[in-house]
Amino acid sequence: MPASILEEVDDLLDVAQTCRRATLLGCPSCGSVHVAQVLGDNGGISYVCTACGHSWS
């Protein structure tokens, strides 16, 4: 248990940074994180890079 509110805030910021890094999806073509998730015709999930137009699933 943190001894102060500042320690608690530091702990929460560390968790938030870890979650942010874990959830970013980058384009395998250009490396951009500007990626949209789209549904495919058969119900599968695909991704499209809004920076370069590359698509993948």
N, C-alpha and C. Protein backbone atom coordinates (compact mmCIF):
# COMPACT_ATOMS: atom_id res chain seq x y z
N MET A 1 0.84 -1.18 0.00
CA MET A 1 0.00 0.00 0.00
C MET A 1 0.89 1.25 0.00
N PRO A 2 0.62 2.19 -0.89
CA PRO A 2 1.44 3.40 -0.96
C PRO A 2 1.32 4.23 0.32
N ALA A 3 2.41 4.91 0.65
CA ALA A 3 2.43 5.73 1.84
C ALA A 3 1.79 7.09 1.60
N SER A 4 1.67 7.51 0.34
CA SER A 4 1.07 8.81 0.06
C SER A 4 0.27 8.75 -1.24
N ILE A 5 -0.52 9.77 -1.46
CA ILE A 5 -1.30 9.85 -2.69
C ILE A 5 -0.39 9.98 -3.90
N LEU A 6 0.76 10.63 -3.73
CA LEU A 6 1.69 10.79 -4.85
C LEU A 6 2.25 9.44 -5.31
N GLU A 7 2.52 8.57 -4.37
CA GLU A 7 2.98 7.23 -4.73
C GLU A 7 1.88 6.47 -5.46
N GLU A 8 0.63 6.65 -5.02
CA GLU A 8 -0.51 5.99 -5.66
C GLU A 8 -0.63 6.48 -7.11
N VAL A 9 -0.50 7.79 -7.32
CA VAL A 9 -0.58 8.36 -8.67
C VAL A 9 0.55 7.82 -9.53
N ASP A 10 1.75 7.74 -9.00
CA ASP A 10 2.87 7.19 -9.75
C ASP A 10 2.61 5.74 -10.16
N ASP A 11 2.04 4.96 -9.24
CA ASP A 11 1.72 3.57 -9.56
C ASP A 11 0.68 3.48 -10.68
N LEU A 12 -0.34 4.33 -10.61
CA LEU A 12 -1.38 4.32 -11.64
C LEU A 12 -0.83 4.76 -12.99
N LEU A 13 0.06 5.75 -12.99
CA LEU A 13 0.66 6.19 -14.25
C LEU A 13 1.52 5.09 -14.87
N ASP A 14 2.23 4.34 -14.04
CA ASP A 14 3.02 3.22 -14.55
C ASP A 14 2.13 2.18 -15.21
N VAL A 15 1.00 1.87 -14.59
CA VAL A 15 0.06 0.90 -15.15
C VAL A 15 -0.51 1.42 -16.47
N ALA A 16 -0.88 2.69 -16.50
CA ALA A 16 -1.45 3.27 -17.71
C ALA A 16 -0.45 3.24 -18.85
N GLN A 17 0.81 3.53 -18.59
CA GLN A 17 1.84 3.50 -19.63
C GLN A 17 2.01 2.08 -20.16
N THR A 18 1.99 1.10 -19.27
CA THR A 18 2.13 -0.30 -19.68
C THR A 18 0.95 -0.71 -20.56
N CYS A 19 -0.26 -0.33 -20.16
CA CYS A 19 -1.45 -0.67 -20.94
C CYS A 19 -1.42 -0.01 -22.30
N ARG A 20 -0.98 1.23 -22.35
CA ARG A 20 -0.92 1.95 -23.62
C ARG A 20 0.04 1.26 -24.59
N ARG A 21 1.20 0.87 -24.10
CA ARG A 21 2.17 0.20 -24.95
C ARG A 21 1.64 -1.15 -25.42
N ALA A 22 0.89 -1.82 -24.57
CA ALA A 22 0.41 -3.15 -24.90
C ALA A 22 -0.73 -3.14 -25.91
N THR A 23 -1.47 -2.04 -25.99
CA THR A 23 -2.65 -2.03 -26.84
C THR A 23 -2.44 -1.32 -28.18
N LEU A 24 -1.32 -0.66 -28.38
CA LEU A 24 -1.09 0.01 -29.65
C LEU A 24 -0.82 -1.02 -30.74
N LEU A 25 -1.46 -0.84 -31.84
CA LEU A 25 -1.30 -1.73 -32.98
C LEU A 25 -0.65 -0.93 -34.09
N GLY A 26 0.45 -1.41 -34.60
CA GLY A 26 1.16 -0.68 -35.64
C GLY A 26 1.06 -1.37 -36.99
N CYS A 27 1.09 -0.56 -38.03
CA CYS A 27 1.05 -1.08 -39.38
C CYS A 27 2.34 -1.83 -39.68
N PRO A 28 2.25 -3.06 -40.19
CA PRO A 28 3.46 -3.82 -40.49
C PRO A 28 4.20 -3.24 -41.71
N SER A 29 3.52 -2.42 -42.49
CA SER A 29 4.13 -1.86 -43.68
C SER A 29 4.92 -0.57 -43.38
N CYS A 30 4.25 0.39 -42.71
CA CYS A 30 4.91 1.68 -42.48
C CYS A 30 5.20 1.97 -41.02
N GLY A 31 4.63 1.17 -40.10
CA GLY A 31 4.88 1.36 -38.67
C GLY A 31 3.95 2.37 -38.00
N SER A 32 3.05 2.97 -38.74
CA SER A 32 2.13 3.95 -38.17
C SER A 32 1.17 3.28 -37.19
N VAL A 33 0.76 4.04 -36.17
CA VAL A 33 -0.23 3.51 -35.21
C VAL A 33 -1.64 3.99 -35.57
N HIS A 34 -1.79 4.62 -36.71
CA HIS A 34 -3.11 5.06 -37.18
C HIS A 34 -3.75 3.91 -37.93
N VAL A 35 -4.37 3.03 -37.15
CA VAL A 35 -4.92 1.79 -37.69
C VAL A 35 -6.41 1.71 -37.35
N ALA A 36 -7.22 1.34 -38.33
CA ALA A 36 -8.64 1.14 -38.12
C ALA A 36 -8.96 -0.35 -38.16
N GLN A 37 -9.86 -0.76 -37.29
CA GLN A 37 -10.30 -2.15 -37.26
C GLN A 37 -11.59 -2.23 -38.07
N VAL A 38 -11.65 -3.17 -39.01
CA VAL A 38 -12.84 -3.32 -39.85
C VAL A 38 -13.31 -4.77 -39.85
N LEU A 39 -14.59 -4.96 -40.08
CA LEU A 39 -15.15 -6.31 -40.17
C LEU A 39 -15.06 -6.79 -41.61
N GLY A 40 -14.62 -8.02 -41.78
CA GLY A 40 -14.54 -8.62 -43.11
C GLY A 40 -15.87 -9.18 -43.56
N ASP A 41 -15.92 -9.62 -44.81
CA ASP A 41 -17.16 -10.17 -45.37
C ASP A 41 -17.62 -11.42 -44.62
N ASN A 42 -16.70 -12.24 -44.16
CA ASN A 42 -17.08 -13.48 -43.48
C ASN A 42 -17.12 -13.31 -41.96
N GLY A 43 -17.16 -12.07 -41.49
CA GLY A 43 -17.24 -11.82 -40.06
C GLY A 43 -15.90 -11.74 -39.36
N GLY A 44 -14.82 -11.97 -40.07
CA GLY A 44 -13.49 -11.86 -39.49
C GLY A 44 -13.11 -10.40 -39.28
N ILE A 45 -12.03 -10.20 -38.57
CA ILE A 45 -11.58 -8.84 -38.29
C ILE A 45 -10.32 -8.56 -39.10
N SER A 46 -10.31 -7.42 -39.75
CA SER A 46 -9.15 -6.98 -40.51
C SER A 46 -8.76 -5.59 -40.03
N TYR A 47 -7.60 -5.15 -40.44
CA TYR A 47 -7.08 -3.85 -40.05
C TYR A 47 -6.65 -3.10 -41.30
N VAL A 48 -6.82 -1.78 -41.26
CA VAL A 48 -6.40 -0.92 -42.37
C VAL A 48 -5.62 0.24 -41.79
N CYS A 49 -4.45 0.48 -42.34
CA CYS A 49 -3.65 1.63 -41.93
C CYS A 49 -4.21 2.86 -42.61
N THR A 50 -4.58 3.87 -41.82
CA THR A 50 -5.14 5.08 -42.41
C THR A 50 -4.05 6.02 -42.89
N ALA A 51 -2.81 5.69 -42.63
CA ALA A 51 -1.69 6.51 -43.10
C ALA A 51 -1.24 6.08 -44.50
N CYS A 52 -1.11 4.76 -44.73
CA CYS A 52 -0.57 4.30 -46.01
C CYS A 52 -1.56 3.44 -46.81
N GLY A 53 -2.67 3.03 -46.19
CA GLY A 53 -3.68 2.25 -46.90
C GLY A 53 -3.46 0.74 -46.88
N HIS A 54 -2.38 0.28 -46.27
CA HIS A 54 -2.10 -1.16 -46.20
C HIS A 54 -3.19 -1.84 -45.35
N SER A 55 -3.63 -3.02 -45.79
CA SER A 55 -4.63 -3.77 -45.03
C SER A 55 -4.11 -5.17 -44.74
N TRP A 56 -4.52 -5.72 -43.61
CA TRP A 56 -4.09 -7.06 -43.22
C TRP A 56 -5.10 -7.61 -42.22
N SER A 57 -5.00 -8.91 -41.96
CA SER A 57 -5.90 -9.52 -40.97
C SER A 57 -5.11 -10.41 -40.06
